[in-house]
Amino acid sequence: MNHHMKWFSTVLFVILLSGLICDLGTAYSETIELQMGKNATRMLDLNDGDVVSGRITLVGSGINFSITDAYDNIIQEETIIGLADFQLTATEGGEYSLHFENFFSKDTTFVTLNYNIQHYIFGFSQEIILLFAIVGLVLIAVIVFVALSPRP
């Protein structure tokens, strides 16, 4: 393998590796055991424009659910019985909170929480930014490879 092929292979490997190690949104799943009269809070560290979408599934009685922003302002509040979907868009960066309360049930309720955080940069999803970056780097690598290849 000549010098140019080694260089091209190294650049291609770095591009592929950078695509694998980038955080392309984050998905979470958790089951919370809420005993009678207890509450639980989960914190989300969000940036401006991040979108969180999720689903809450209950086994047991209903619960009170609320979402607060970084300044403890209530964004969403509802009583959930069985199943509920939620979505929020962070209007500014900070720690947002998901609150679960089991104050009106005499039994333990199991809460399954599934949610995904989609990151946005300059109004574009992180996946789109990464796609453009990888395509750009591949094009640069191909141009350099062609420019440095020996002519017949």
Protein backbone atom coordinates (compact mmCIF):
# COMPACT_ATOMS: atom_id res chain seq x y z
CA MET A 1 0.00 0.00 0.00
CA ASN A 2 1.53 3.32 -1.02
CA HIS A 3 1.71 6.46 1.11
CA HIS A 4 -1.43 8.04 -0.39
CA MET A 5 -3.59 4.98 0.24
CA LYS A 6 -2.43 4.83 3.87
CA TRP A 7 -3.25 8.52 4.30
CA PHE A 8 -6.66 8.12 2.66
CA SER A 9 -7.46 5.06 4.80
CA THR A 10 -6.48 6.94 7.97
CA VAL A 11 -8.66 9.94 7.08
CA LEU A 12 -11.61 7.69 6.25
CA PHE A 13 -11.17 5.79 9.54
CA VAL A 14 -11.11 9.06 11.53
CA ILE A 15 -14.28 10.27 9.80
CA LEU A 16 -16.14 7.04 10.51
CA LEU A 17 -14.91 6.94 14.10
CA SER A 18 -16.02 10.54 14.72
CA GLY A 19 -19.49 9.61 13.49
CA LEU A 20 -19.67 6.73 15.93
CA ILE A 21 -18.57 8.67 19.01
CA CYS A 22 -20.84 11.67 18.52
CA ASP A 23 -23.92 11.81 20.74
CA LEU A 24 -26.85 11.72 18.33
CA GLY A 25 -29.61 12.41 20.77
CA THR A 26 -30.14 10.40 23.87
CA ALA A 27 -32.79 7.82 24.67
CA TYR A 28 -33.62 6.81 28.23
CA SER A 29 -35.79 4.18 29.84
CA GLU A 30 -36.41 3.68 33.53
CA THR A 31 -38.95 2.16 35.91
CA ILE A 32 -39.71 4.12 39.06
CA GLU A 33 -41.42 2.60 42.09
CA LEU A 34 -43.72 5.18 43.68
CA GLN A 35 -45.06 4.16 47.05
CA MET A 36 -48.18 5.70 48.55
CA GLY A 37 -47.60 9.35 49.47
CA LYS A 38 -44.14 9.52 47.82
CA ASN A 39 -42.75 11.47 44.91
CA ALA A 40 -39.79 11.21 42.54
CA THR A 41 -37.98 13.72 40.37
CA ARG A 42 -35.80 13.21 37.32
CA MET A 43 -33.56 16.02 36.09
CA LEU A 44 -32.89 16.78 32.42
CA ASP A 45 -29.93 18.96 31.48
CA LEU A 46 -31.13 20.66 28.29
CA ASN A 47 -29.79 23.26 25.90
CA ASP A 48 -31.85 25.95 24.20
CA GLY A 49 -33.93 24.34 21.45
CA ASP A 50 -33.57 20.73 22.63
CA VAL A 51 -36.72 18.67 22.16
CA VAL A 52 -37.75 15.98 24.66
CA SER A 53 -40.49 13.52 23.76
CA GLY A 54 -41.54 10.59 25.85
CA ARG A 55 -44.12 8.19 27.17
CA ILE A 56 -45.18 7.33 30.69
CA THR A 57 -46.78 3.96 31.37
CA LEU A 58 -48.27 3.10 34.75
CA VAL A 59 -48.90 -0.19 36.51
CA GLY A 60 -51.10 0.59 39.47
CA SER A 61 -53.15 3.67 40.26
CA GLY A 62 -52.84 7.11 38.71
CA ILE A 63 -50.20 9.72 39.52
CA ASN A 64 -49.69 13.45 39.22
CA PHE A 65 -47.07 14.39 36.66
CA SER A 66 -45.49 17.77 35.98
CA ILE A 67 -42.60 19.28 34.07
CA THR A 68 -40.79 22.40 35.31
CA ASP A 69 -38.20 24.54 33.58
CA ALA A 70 -34.86 25.74 34.90
CA TYR A 71 -36.61 28.43 37.00
CA ASP A 72 -39.19 25.99 38.49
CA ASN A 73 -42.00 27.34 36.29
CA ILE A 74 -44.55 24.62 35.53
CA ILE A 75 -44.59 23.84 31.82
CA GLN A 76 -46.99 20.90 31.91
CA GLU A 77 -49.10 19.38 34.67
CA GLU A 78 -51.58 16.52 34.52
CA THR A 79 -52.99 13.47 36.25
CA ILE A 80 -52.03 10.26 34.47
CA ILE A 81 -53.96 7.02 34.61
CA GLY A 82 -52.51 4.23 32.49
CA LEU A 83 -50.56 5.86 29.68
CA ALA A 84 -49.54 9.37 28.61
CA ASP A 85 -47.22 10.96 26.05
CA PHE A 86 -45.37 14.20 26.65
CA GLN A 87 -43.20 16.59 24.68
CA LEU A 88 -41.35 19.78 25.51
CA THR A 89 -39.02 22.15 23.73
CA ALA A 90 -36.44 23.86 25.92
CA THR A 91 -36.80 27.61 25.53
CA GLU A 92 -33.44 28.13 27.23
CA GLY A 93 -30.66 25.98 28.62
CA GLY A 94 -30.72 24.60 32.14
CA GLU A 95 -32.02 21.80 34.32
CA TYR A 96 -35.61 20.84 33.60
CA SER A 97 -37.43 18.51 35.99
CA LEU A 98 -39.90 15.68 35.57
CA HIS A 99 -41.98 15.28 38.78
CA PHE A 100 -43.97 12.18 39.67
CA GLU A 101 -46.31 12.16 42.73
CA ASN A 102 -48.35 9.29 44.16
CA PHE A 103 -50.44 11.21 46.72
CA PHE A 104 -53.93 9.87 46.04
CA SER A 105 -53.30 6.12 45.84
CA LYS A 106 -53.10 3.59 48.66
CA ASP A 107 -50.97 1.26 46.56
CA THR A 108 -47.50 1.37 45.07
CA THR A 109 -47.50 2.48 41.45
CA PHE A 110 -44.77 1.49 39.00
CA VAL A 111 -43.96 4.22 36.48
CA THR A 112 -42.13 3.29 33.29
CA LEU A 113 -40.52 6.40 31.80
CA ASN A 114 -39.22 6.36 28.22
CA TYR A 115 -37.96 9.53 26.61
CA ASN A 116 -35.65 10.80 23.90
CA ILE A 117 -33.69 14.06 23.87
CA GLN A 118 -33.10 15.52 20.41
CA HIS A 119 -30.33 18.14 20.30
CA TYR A 120 -30.49 21.11 17.93
CA ILE A 121 -27.62 23.36 16.78
CA PHE A 122 -28.48 26.64 15.04
CA GLY A 123 -32.00 25.31 14.43
CA PHE A 124 -30.83 22.10 12.75
CA SER A 125 -30.95 18.66 14.33
CA GLN A 126 -27.60 17.30 15.43
CA GLU A 127 -27.89 14.43 12.94
CA ILE A 128 -28.18 16.83 9.99
CA ILE A 129 -25.13 18.83 11.14
CA LEU A 130 -23.11 15.62 11.54
CA LEU A 131 -24.25 14.36 8.14
CA PHE A 132 -23.09 17.58 6.43
CA ALA A 133 -19.78 17.46 8.32
CA ILE A 134 -19.10 13.85 7.31
CA VAL A 135 -20.06 14.44 3.68
CA GLY A 136 -17.83 17.53 3.60
CA LEU A 137 -14.88 15.65 5.10
CA VAL A 138 -15.33 12.75 2.68
CA LEU A 139 -15.42 15.17 -0.28
CA ILE A 140 -12.24 16.88 0.96
CA ALA A 141 -10.55 13.48 1.42
CA VAL A 142 -11.51 12.40 -2.11
CA ILE A 143 -10.27 15.69 -3.60
CA VAL A 144 -6.96 15.41 -1.76
CA PHE A 145 -6.63 11.74 -2.75
CA VAL A 146 -7.24 12.55 -6.42
CA ALA A 147 -4.85 15.53 -6.30
CA LEU A 148 -2.06 13.48 -4.73
CA SER A 149 -2.51 10.37 -6.89
CA PRO A 150 0.21 9.75 -9.47
CA ARG A 151 -0.78 10.57 -13.03
CA PRO A 152 -0.59 7.77 -15.64
